[in-house]
C-alpha atoms as a PDB file:
ATOM      1  CA  UNK A   1     -34.111  12.679   8.488  1.00  0.00           C
ATOM      2  CA  UNK A   2     -36.003  10.256   6.285  1.00  0.00           C
ATOM      3  CA  UNK A   3     -33.625  10.596   3.360  1.00  0.00           C
ATOM      4  CA  UNK A   4     -30.758   8.679   4.996  1.00  0.00           C
ATOM      5  CA  UNK A   5     -32.782   5.497   5.780  1.00  0.00           C
ATOM      6  CA  UNK A   6     -34.241   5.644   2.273  1.00  0.00           C
ATOM      7  CA  UNK A   7     -30.768   5.929   0.760  1.00  0.00           C
ATOM      8  CA  UNK A   8     -29.593   2.974   2.819  1.00  0.00           C
ATOM      9  CA  UNK A   9     -32.517   0.864   1.680  1.00  0.00           C
ATOM     10  CA  UNK A  10     -31.887   1.755  -1.948  1.00  0.00           C
ATOM     11  CA  UNK A  11     -28.172   0.963  -1.561  1.00  0.00           C
ATOM     12  CA  UNK A  12     -28.925  -2.418   0.002  1.00  0.00           C
ATOM     13  CA  UNK A  13     -31.425  -3.244  -2.722  1.00  0.00           C
ATOM     14  CA  UNK A  14     -28.931  -2.282  -5.432  1.00  0.00           C
ATOM     15  CA  UNK A  15     -26.186  -4.352  -3.820  1.00  0.00           C
ATOM     16  CA  UNK A  16     -28.480  -7.346  -3.399  1.00  0.00           C
ATOM     17  CA  UNK A  17     -29.564  -7.093  -7.013  1.00  0.00           C
ATOM     18  CA  UNK A  18     -25.982  -6.977  -8.210  1.00  0.00           C
ATOM     19  CA  UNK A  19     -24.959  -9.998  -6.147  1.00  0.00           C
ATOM     20  CA  UNK A  20     -27.871 -11.996  -7.514  1.00  0.00           C
ATOM     21  CA  UNK A  21     -27.648 -10.978 -11.172  1.00  0.00           C
ATOM     22  CA  UNK A  22     -23.870 -10.474 -11.446  1.00  0.00           C
ATOM     23  CA  UNK A  23     -24.057  -8.825 -14.892  1.00  0.00           C
ATOM     24  CA  UNK A  24     -20.285  -8.410 -15.330  1.00  0.00           C
ATOM     25  CA  UNK A  25     -19.029 -11.622 -13.756  1.00  0.00           C
ATOM     26  CA  UNK A  26     -16.750 -12.551 -16.662  1.00  0.00           C
ATOM     27  CA  UNK A  27     -15.371  -9.029 -16.865  1.00  0.00           C
ATOM     28  CA  UNK A  28     -14.527  -9.047 -13.154  1.00  0.00           C
ATOM     29  CA  UNK A  29     -12.887 -12.474 -13.413  1.00  0.00           C
ATOM     30  CA  UNK A  30     -10.779 -11.311 -16.365  1.00  0.00           C
ATOM     31  CA  UNK A  31      -9.763  -8.147 -14.503  1.00  0.00           C
ATOM     32  CA  UNK A  32      -8.715 -10.141 -11.433  1.00  0.00           C
ATOM     33  CA  UNK A  33      -6.647 -12.469 -13.607  1.00  0.00           C
ATOM     34  CA  UNK A  34      -4.856  -9.520 -15.201  1.00  0.00           C
ATOM     35  CA  UNK A  35      -4.174  -7.962 -11.788  1.00  0.00           C
ATOM     36  CA  UNK A  36      -2.551 -11.192 -10.583  1.00  0.00           C
ATOM     37  CA  UNK A  37       0.031 -10.803 -13.334  1.00  0.00           C
ATOM     38  CA  UNK A  38       1.233  -7.621 -11.622  1.00  0.00           C
ATOM     39  CA  UNK A  39       1.667  -9.193  -8.184  1.00  0.00           C
ATOM     40  CA  UNK A  40       5.445  -9.412  -8.538  1.00  0.00           C
ATOM     41  CA  UNK A  41       5.617  -5.625  -8.874  1.00  0.00           C
ATOM     42  CA  UNK A  42       3.799  -4.815  -5.631  1.00  0.00           C
ATOM     43  CA  UNK A  43       7.051  -4.354  -3.619  1.00  0.00           C
ATOM     44  CA  UNK A  44       8.399  -1.997  -6.280  1.00  0.00           C
ATOM     45  CA  UNK A  45       5.123  -0.056  -6.325  1.00  0.00           C
ATOM     46  CA  UNK A  46       5.179   0.363  -2.547  1.00  0.00           C
ATOM     47  CA  UNK A  47       8.855   1.341  -2.546  1.00  0.00           C
ATOM     48  CA  UNK A  48       8.395   4.217  -4.976  1.00  0.00           C
ATOM     49  CA  UNK A  49       5.214   5.265  -3.162  1.00  0.00           C
ATOM     50  CA  UNK A  50       7.198   5.941  -0.002  1.00  0.00           C
ATOM     51  CA  UNK A  51      10.604   6.702  -1.504  1.00  0.00           C
ATOM     52  CA  UNK A  52       9.521   9.566  -3.775  1.00  0.00           C
ATOM     53  CA  UNK A  53       7.715  11.536  -1.028  1.00  0.00           C
ATOM     54  CA  UNK A  54      10.724  11.089   1.271  1.00  0.00           C
ATOM     55  CA  UNK A  55      13.091  12.495  -1.348  1.00  0.00           C
ATOM     56  CA  UNK A  56      10.682  15.338  -2.045  1.00  0.00           C
ATOM     57  CA  UNK A  57      10.388  16.106   1.659  1.00  0.00           C
ATOM     58  CA  UNK A  58      14.156  16.122   2.049  1.00  0.00           C
ATOM     59  CA  UNK A  59      14.762  18.580  -0.779  1.00  0.00           C
ATOM     60  CA  UNK A  60      11.642  20.560   0.116  1.00  0.00           C
ATOM     61  CA  UNK A  61      12.857  21.335   3.614  1.00  0.00           C
ATOM     62  CA  UNK A  62      10.042  19.686   5.546  1.00  0.00           C
ATOM     63  CA  UNK A  63       9.525  16.476   7.509  1.00  0.00           C
ATOM     64  CA  UNK A  64       7.199  13.996   5.735  1.00  0.00           C
ATOM     65  CA  UNK A  65       4.473  16.627   5.219  1.00  0.00           C
ATOM     66  CA  UNK A  66       4.723  20.242   3.970  1.00  0.00           C
ATOM     67  CA  UNK A  67       2.695  21.129   7.057  1.00  0.00           C
ATOM     68  CA  UNK A  68       5.674  20.272   9.283  1.00  0.00           C
ATOM     69  CA  UNK A  69       8.555  22.598   8.457  1.00  0.00           C
ATOM     70  CA  UNK A  70      11.394  20.618  10.015  1.00  0.00           C
ATOM     71  CA  UNK A  71      14.352  19.919   7.770  1.00  0.00           C
ATOM     72  CA  UNK A  72      15.939  16.473   7.697  1.00  0.00           C
ATOM     73  CA  UNK A  73      17.385  16.622   4.205  1.00  0.00           C
ATOM     74  CA  UNK A  74      20.180  14.050   4.339  1.00  0.00           C
ATOM     75  CA  UNK A  75      18.223  11.442   6.295  1.00  0.00           C
ATOM     76  CA  UNK A  76      15.049  11.595   4.214  1.00  0.00           C
ATOM     77  CA  UNK A  77      16.849  11.746   0.867  1.00  0.00           C
ATOM     78  CA  UNK A  78      19.080   8.823   1.844  1.00  0.00           C
ATOM     79  CA  UNK A  79      16.143   6.681   2.973  1.00  0.00           C
ATOM     80  CA  UNK A  80      14.171   7.653  -0.117  1.00  0.00           C
ATOM     81  CA  UNK A  81      16.919   6.579  -2.505  1.00  0.00           C
ATOM     82  CA  UNK A  82      17.503   3.335  -0.604  1.00  0.00           C
ATOM     83  CA  UNK A  83      13.820   2.521  -1.068  1.00  0.00           C
ATOM     84  CA  UNK A  84      13.826   3.522  -4.740  1.00  0.00           C
ATOM     85  CA  UNK A  85      16.838   1.336  -5.506  1.00  0.00           C
ATOM     86  CA  UNK A  86      15.741  -1.423  -3.126  1.00  0.00           C
ATOM     87  CA  UNK A  87      18.947  -1.530  -1.093  1.00  0.00           C
ATOM     88  CA  UNK A  88      18.690  -2.611   2.559  1.00  0.00           C
ATOM     89  CA  UNK A  89      14.979  -2.269   1.869  1.00  0.00           C
ATOM     90  CA  UNK A  90      13.531  -3.580   5.103  1.00  0.00           C
ATOM     91  CA  UNK A  91      15.947  -1.577   7.226  1.00  0.00           C
ATOM     92  CA  UNK A  92      15.215   1.590   5.240  1.00  0.00           C
ATOM     93  CA  UNK A  93      11.465   1.021   5.654  1.00  0.00           C
ATOM     94  CA  UNK A  94      11.764   0.573   9.413  1.00  0.00           C
ATOM     95  CA  UNK A  95      13.909   3.718   9.704  1.00  0.00           C
ATOM     96  CA  UNK A  96      11.402   5.668   7.587  1.00  0.00           C
ATOM     97  CA  UNK A  97       8.647   4.526   9.929  1.00  0.00           C
ATOM     98  CA  UNK A  98      10.752   5.680  12.901  1.00  0.00           C
ATOM     99  CA  UNK A  99      11.230   9.111  11.272  1.00  0.00           C
ATOM    100  CA  UNK A 100       7.480   9.388  10.803  1.00  0.00           C
ATOM    101  CA  UNK A 101       6.744   8.412  14.413  1.00  0.00           C
ATOM    102  CA  UNK A 102       9.264  10.952  15.709  1.00  0.00           C
ATOM    103  CA  UNK A 103       7.656  13.621  13.559  1.00  0.00           C
ATOM    104  CA  UNK A 104       4.203  12.580  14.801  1.00  0.00           C
ATOM    105  CA  UNK A 105       5.398  12.964  18.393  1.00  0.00           C
ATOM    106  CA  UNK A 106       6.561  16.482  17.542  1.00  0.00           C
ATOM    107  CA  UNK A 107       3.372  17.537  15.763  1.00  0.00           C
ATOM    108  CA  UNK A 108       0.093  15.647  15.410  1.00  0.00           C
ATOM    109  CA  UNK A 109      -0.398  17.266  11.985  1.00  0.00           C
ATOM    110  CA  UNK A 110       1.373  14.200  10.605  1.00  0.00           C
ATOM    111  CA  UNK A 111      -1.797  12.222  11.272  1.00  0.00           C
ATOM    112  CA  UNK A 112      -2.753  13.512   7.827  1.00  0.00           C
ATOM    113  CA  UNK A 113       0.090  11.399   6.428  1.00  0.00           C
ATOM    114  CA  UNK A 114      -0.837   8.275   8.370  1.00  0.00           C
ATOM    115  CA  UNK A 115      -0.510   6.198   5.210  1.00  0.00           C
ATOM    116  CA  UNK A 116       3.241   6.147   5.915  1.00  0.00           C
ATOM    117  CA  UNK A 117       2.610   3.590   8.675  1.00  0.00           C
ATOM    118  CA  UNK A 118       0.995   0.814   6.593  1.00  0.00           C
ATOM    119  CA  UNK A 119       3.196   1.734   3.628  1.00  0.00           C
ATOM    120  CA  UNK A 120       6.459   1.213   5.490  1.00  0.00           C
ATOM    121  CA  UNK A 121       5.122  -1.848   7.319  1.00  0.00           C
ATOM    122  CA  UNK A 122       4.120  -3.404   4.004  1.00  0.00           C
ATOM    123  CA  UNK A 123       7.602  -2.804   2.588  1.00  0.00           C
ATOM    124  CA  UNK A 124       9.187  -4.289   5.705  1.00  0.00           C
ATOM    125  CA  UNK A 125       6.977  -7.357   5.259  1.00  0.00           C
ATOM    126  CA  UNK A 126       7.691  -7.915   1.560  1.00  0.00           C
ATOM    127  CA  UNK A 127      11.256  -6.707   1.213  1.00  0.00           C
ATOM    128  CA  UNK A 128      12.620  -5.234  -2.011  1.00  0.00           C
ATOM    129  CA  UNK A 129      11.122  -7.695  -4.468  1.00  0.00           C
ATOM    130  CA  UNK A 130      12.251  -7.157  -8.018  1.00  0.00           C
ATOM    131  CA  UNK A 131      13.620  -5.147  -9.610  1.00  0.00           C
ATOM    132  CA  UNK A 132      15.764  -4.166  -6.639  1.00  0.00           C
ATOM    133  CA  UNK A 133      19.370  -4.048  -5.537  1.00  0.00           C
ATOM    134  CA  UNK A 134      18.600  -6.504  -2.753  1.00  0.00           C
ATOM    135  CA  UNK A 135      17.304  -9.062  -5.235  1.00  0.00           C
ATOM    136  CA  UNK A 136      20.415  -8.752  -7.392  1.00  0.00           C
ATOM    137  CA  UNK A 137      22.752  -9.117  -4.419  1.00  0.00           C
ATOM    138  CA  UNK A 138      20.763 -12.078  -3.107  1.00  0.00           C
ATOM    139  CA  UNK A 139      21.069 -13.887  -6.408  1.00  0.00           C
ATOM    140  CA  UNK A 140      24.795 -13.226  -6.634  1.00  0.00           C
ATOM    141  CA  UNK A 141      25.413 -14.264  -3.009  1.00  0.00           C
ATOM    142  CA  UNK A 142      23.332 -17.405  -3.471  1.00  0.00           C
ATOM    143  CA  UNK A 143      25.238 -18.532  -6.573  1.00  0.00           C
ATOM    144  CA  UNK A 144      27.826 -21.175  -5.785  1.00  0.00           C
ATOM    145  CA  UNK A 145      31.443 -20.154  -6.267  1.00  0.00           C
ATOM    146  CA  UNK A 146      30.985 -16.375  -6.367  1.00  0.00           C
ATOM    147  CA  UNK A 147      33.541 -14.214  -4.587  1.00  0.00           C
ATOM    148  CA  UNK A 148      30.812 -11.930  -3.277  1.00  0.00           C
ATOM    149  CA  UNK A 149      28.990 -14.931  -1.828  1.00  0.00           C
ATOM    150  CA  UNK A 150      31.981 -15.700   0.385  1.00  0.00           C
ATOM    151  CA  UNK A 151      31.941 -12.286   2.023  1.00  0.00           C
ATOM    152  CA  UNK A 152      28.272 -11.338   2.049  1.00  0.00           C
ATOM    153  CA  UNK A 153      27.485 -10.831   5.753  1.00  0.00           C
ATOM    154  CA  UNK A 154      23.693 -11.047   5.669  1.00  0.00           C
ATOM    155  CA  UNK A 155      22.624 -13.573   3.028  1.00  0.00           C
ATOM    156  CA  UNK A 156      22.080 -16.471   5.454  1.00  0.00           C
ATOM    157  CA  UNK A 157      20.382 -14.245   8.016  1.00  0.00           C
ATOM    158  CA  UNK A 158      18.138 -12.771   5.326  1.00  0.00           C
ATOM    159  CA  UNK A 159      17.010 -16.239   4.197  1.00  0.00           C
ATOM    160  CA  UNK A 160      16.272 -17.275   7.773  1.00  0.00           C
ATOM    161  CA  UNK A 161      14.301 -14.090   8.408  1.00  0.00           C
ATOM    162  CA  UNK A 162      12.371 -14.544   5.170  1.00  0.00           C
ATOM    163  CA  UNK A 163      11.402 -18.070   6.205  1.00  0.00           C
ATOM    164  CA  UNK A 164      10.032 -16.791   9.497  1.00  0.00           C
ATOM    165  CA  UNK A 165       8.092 -13.923   7.974  1.00  0.00           C
ATOM    166  CA  UNK A 166       6.643 -15.790   4.974  1.00  0.00           C
ATOM    167  CA  UNK A 167       3.495 -16.992   6.816  1.00  0.00           C
ATOM    168  CA  UNK A 168       2.517 -13.363   7.434  1.00  0.00           C
ATOM    169  CA  UNK A 169       2.821 -12.187   3.833  1.00  0.00           C
ATOM    170  CA  UNK A 170      -0.821 -12.989   3.157  1.00  0.00           C
ATOM    171  CA  UNK A 171      -1.763 -10.124   5.486  1.00  0.00           C
ATOM    172  CA  UNK A 172      -0.242  -7.557   3.111  1.00  0.00           C
ATOM    173  CA  UNK A 173      -3.604  -6.401   1.693  1.00  0.00           C
ATOM    174  CA  UNK A 174      -5.026  -6.141   5.208  1.00  0.00           C
ATOM    175  CA  UNK A 175      -2.152  -3.851   6.227  1.00  0.00           C
ATOM    176  CA  UNK A 176      -2.467  -1.730   3.103  1.00  0.00           C
ATOM    177  CA  UNK A 177      -6.262  -1.451   3.397  1.00  0.00           C
ATOM    178  CA  UNK A 178      -6.060   0.485   6.635  1.00  0.00           C
ATOM    179  CA  UNK A 179      -3.602   2.920   4.997  1.00  0.00           C
ATOM    180  CA  UNK A 180      -6.238   4.983   3.130  1.00  0.00           C
ATOM    181  CA  UNK A 181      -8.145   5.409   6.439  1.00  0.00           C
ATOM    182  CA  UNK A 182      -7.274   9.083   5.968  1.00  0.00           C
ATOM    183  CA  UNK A 183     -10.611   9.216   4.165  1.00  0.00           C
ATOM    184  CA  UNK A 184     -12.429   8.661   7.452  1.00  0.00           C
ATOM    185  CA  UNK A 185     -10.938  11.940   8.664  1.00  0.00           C
ATOM    186  CA  UNK A 186     -12.303  13.737   5.599  1.00  0.00           C
ATOM    187  CA  UNK A 187     -15.071  16.265   5.738  1.00  0.00           C
ATOM    188  CA  UNK A 188     -17.371  14.793   3.106  1.00  0.00           C
ATOM    189  CA  UNK A 189     -19.780  11.906   3.651  1.00  0.00           C
ATOM    190  CA  UNK A 190     -18.688  10.238   0.414  1.00  0.00           C
ATOM    191  CA  UNK A 191     -15.026  10.320   1.477  1.00  0.00           C
ATOM    192  CA  UNK A 192     -15.920   8.800   4.837  1.00  0.00           C
ATOM    193  CA  UNK A 193     -17.899   6.049   3.135  1.00  0.00           C
ATOM    194  CA  UNK A 194     -15.043   5.313   0.749  1.00  0.00           C
ATOM    195  CA  UNK A 195     -12.516   5.158   3.572  1.00  0.00           C
ATOM    196  CA  UNK A 196     -14.678   2.787   5.579  1.00  0.00           C
ATOM    197  CA  UNK A 197     -15.191   0.561   2.536  1.00  0.00           C
ATOM    198  CA  UNK A 198     -11.415   0.240   2.136  1.00  0.00           C
ATOM    199  CA  UNK A 199     -10.833  -0.444   5.826  1.00  0.00           C
ATOM    200  CA  UNK A 200     -13.403  -3.233   6.080  1.00  0.00           C
ATOM    201  CA  UNK A 201     -12.512  -4.626   2.660  1.00  0.00           C
ATOM    202  CA  UNK A 202     -15.854  -4.035   0.940  1.00  0.00           C
ATOM    203  CA  UNK A 203     -15.568  -4.371  -2.863  1.00  0.00           C
ATOM    204  CA  UNK A 204     -11.914  -3.496  -2.331  1.00  0.00           C
ATOM    205  CA  UNK A 205     -10.745  -3.267  -5.919  1.00  0.00           C
ATOM    206  CA  UNK A 206     -13.721  -1.142  -6.932  1.00  0.00           C
ATOM    207  CA  UNK A 207     -13.234   1.086  -3.881  1.00  0.00           C
ATOM    208  CA  UNK A 208      -9.514   1.426  -4.614  1.00  0.00           C
ATOM    209  CA  UNK A 209     -10.214   2.383  -8.233  1.00  0.00           C
ATOM    210  CA  UNK A 210     -12.747   4.965  -7.052  1.00  0.00           C
ATOM    211  CA  UNK A 211     -10.226   6.324  -4.548  1.00  0.00           C
ATOM    212  CA  UNK A 212      -7.631   6.803  -7.288  1.00  0.00           C
ATOM    213  CA  UNK A 213     -10.190   8.713  -9.330  1.00  0.00           C
ATOM    214  CA  UNK A 214     -11.106  10.916  -6.375  1.00  0.00           C
ATOM    215  CA  UNK A 215      -7.414  11.531  -5.596  1.00  0.00           C
ATOM    216  CA  UNK A 216      -6.846  12.685  -9.163  1.00  0.00           C
ATOM    217  CA  UNK A 217      -9.871  14.990  -9.203  1.00  0.00           C
ATOM    218  CA  UNK A 218      -8.854  16.470  -5.854  1.00  0.00           C
ATOM    219  CA  UNK A 219      -5.427  17.389  -7.171  1.00  0.00           C
ATOM    220  CA  UNK A 220      -7.033  19.451  -9.942  1.00  0.00           C
ATOM    221  CA  UNK A 221      -9.664  20.943  -7.658  1.00  0.00           C
ATOM    222  CA  UNK A 222      -7.205  22.160  -5.019  1.00  0.00           C
ATOM    223  CA  UNK A 223      -4.451  24.250  -6.672  1.00  0.00           C
ATOM    224  CA  UNK A 224      -2.402  24.514  -3.464  1.00  0.00           C
ATOM    225  CA  UNK A 225      -2.621  20.798  -2.653  1.00  0.00           C
ATOM    226  CA  UNK A 226       0.845  19.277  -2.016  1.00  0.00           C
ATOM    227  CA  UNK A 227       0.771  16.604  -4.716  1.00  0.00           C
ATOM    228  CA  UNK A 228       4.046  14.986  -3.723  1.00  0.00           C
ATOM    229  CA  UNK A 229       2.846  14.385  -0.175  1.00  0.00           C
ATOM    230  CA  UNK A 230      -0.035  12.239  -1.456  1.00  0.00           C
ATOM    231  CA  UNK A 231       1.946   9.945  -3.743  1.00  0.00           C
ATOM    232  CA  UNK A 232       1.807   7.291  -1.018  1.00  0.00           C
ATOM    233  CA  UNK A 233      -2.001   7.218  -1.132  1.00  0.00           C
ATOM    234  CA  UNK A 234      -1.910   6.611  -4.874  1.00  0.00           C
ATOM    235  CA  UNK A 235       0.556   3.783  -4.327  1.00  0.00           C
ATOM    236  CA  UNK A 236      -1.458   2.088  -1.585  1.00  0.00           C
ATOM    237  CA  UNK A 237      -4.673   2.284  -3.588  1.00  0.00           C
ATOM    238  CA  UNK A 238      -2.885   0.909  -6.656  1.00  0.00           C
ATOM    239  CA  UNK A 239      -1.505  -1.969  -4.611  1.00  0.00           C
ATOM    240  CA  UNK A 240      -5.035  -2.876  -3.523  1.00  0.00           C
ATOM    241  CA  UNK A 241      -6.093  -3.024  -7.168  1.00  0.00           C
ATOM    242  CA  UNK A 242      -3.529  -5.796  -7.568  1.00  0.00           C
ATOM    243  CA  UNK A 243      -3.873  -7.695  -4.299  1.00  0.00           C
ATOM    244  CA  UNK A 244      -7.578  -7.417  -3.584  1.00  0.00           C
ATOM    245  CA  UNK A 245      -8.872  -7.430  -0.036  1.00  0.00           C
ATOM    246  CA  UNK A 246      -6.831 -10.108   1.711  1.00  0.00           C
ATOM    247  CA  UNK A 247      -7.843 -11.669   5.077  1.00  0.00           C
ATOM    248  CA  UNK A 248     -10.369 -10.184   7.510  1.00  0.00           C
ATOM    249  CA  UNK A 249     -12.469  -8.437   4.861  1.00  0.00           C
ATOM    250  CA  UNK A 250     -16.143  -8.246   4.031  1.00  0.00           C
ATOM    251  CA  UNK A 251     -15.230  -9.351   0.515  1.00  0.00           C
ATOM    252  CA  UNK A 252     -14.275 -12.746   1.915  1.00  0.00           C
ATOM    253  CA  UNK A 253     -17.794 -13.154   3.254  1.00  0.00           C
ATOM    254  CA  UNK A 254     -19.364 -11.869   0.042  1.00  0.00           C
ATOM    255  CA  UNK A 255     -17.254 -14.166  -2.109  1.00  0.00           C
ATOM    256  CA  UNK A 256     -19.874 -16.864  -1.943  1.00  0.00           C
ATOM    257  CA  UNK A 257     -22.450 -14.400  -3.220  1.00  0.00           C
ATOM    258  CA  UNK A 258     -20.486 -13.310  -6.265  1.00  0.00           C
ATOM    259  CA  UNK A 259     -18.560 -10.284  -5.043  1.00  0.00           C
ATOM    260  CA  UNK A 260     -15.513  -9.269  -7.058  1.00  0.00           C
ATOM    261  CA  UNK A 261     -12.907 -10.024  -4.419  1.00  0.00           C
ATOM    262  CA  UNK A 262     -11.210 -13.019  -2.845  1.00  0.00           C
ATOM    263  CA  UNK A 263     -10.720 -13.902   0.797  1.00  0.00           C
ATOM    264  CA  UNK A 264      -7.087 -14.805   0.172  1.00  0.00           C
ATOM    265  CA  UNK A 265      -5.355 -12.361  -2.114  1.00  0.00           C
ATOM    266  CA  UNK A 266      -2.694 -13.851  -4.429  1.00  0.00           C
ATOM    267  CA  UNK A 267       0.486 -12.745  -2.697  1.00  0.00           C
ATOM    268  CA  UNK A 268       2.368 -16.021  -2.787  1.00  0.00           C
ATOM    269  CA  UNK A 269       4.063 -14.999  -6.032  1.00  0.00           C
ATOM    270  CA  UNK A 270       5.600 -11.834  -4.611  1.00  0.00           C
ATOM    271  CA  UNK A 271       9.367 -12.462  -4.932  1.00  0.00           C
ATOM    272  CA  UNK A 272      11.494 -12.771  -1.848  1.00  0.00           C
ATOM    273  CA  UNK A 273      14.112 -10.135  -1.191  1.00  0.00           C
ATOM    274  CA  UNK A 274      15.890  -8.976   1.940  1.00  0.00           C
END
């Protein structure tokens, strides 16, 4: 019983020492600067993270997770390809979320794929980004004198919707952070700790990088593990490497003490797309 308090004291001392000394401050700053360069690709990263598992589920004859043997081939494959190509992206994301919620109502086993909720919500928030079919069509419709621009039925509505939703884009990392909360349901203490760190936004980039490493090791350790079903977790963790913690995170409080995250993640450069 004494080992846990001792471990906590050691962890606090180590954290305090790091925040005071900050031995890799320049390295962390350089890494954050590099990650900002990838911000424009966050929508694409999220799209493939949800689209690929949907296509795999459709052809595999199960609904979202291999643990739920309900076939919805045409629907899942169609939604998956729409997300991959970035066509009607927000609508496809909302429909994918609806499919997940229906499956969850049928069988609670889909709680193990709960990352579909923040993943689809994040896509609905950002849109297709670029490269995407939506971005191409937007640019063509918005160009003066184009024939397509005369008949496009949603361009004006899409711009109006984007204007309304723009103030909420900064919450993207917050939404994504709660996606890997699957770790809290894990059996191991280290997995629980990692999941909690991601949820509260504690050293988010470092926690996300650790999560990716653990994901990879788990795939090799468990030969029967359904790899395709966990692609979304890889995508969400990778997105957090780029965005950082976002609002409502411990990293925002630690920022003044030299932590490696920012209170406001750099999402303003994510391209608009319907």
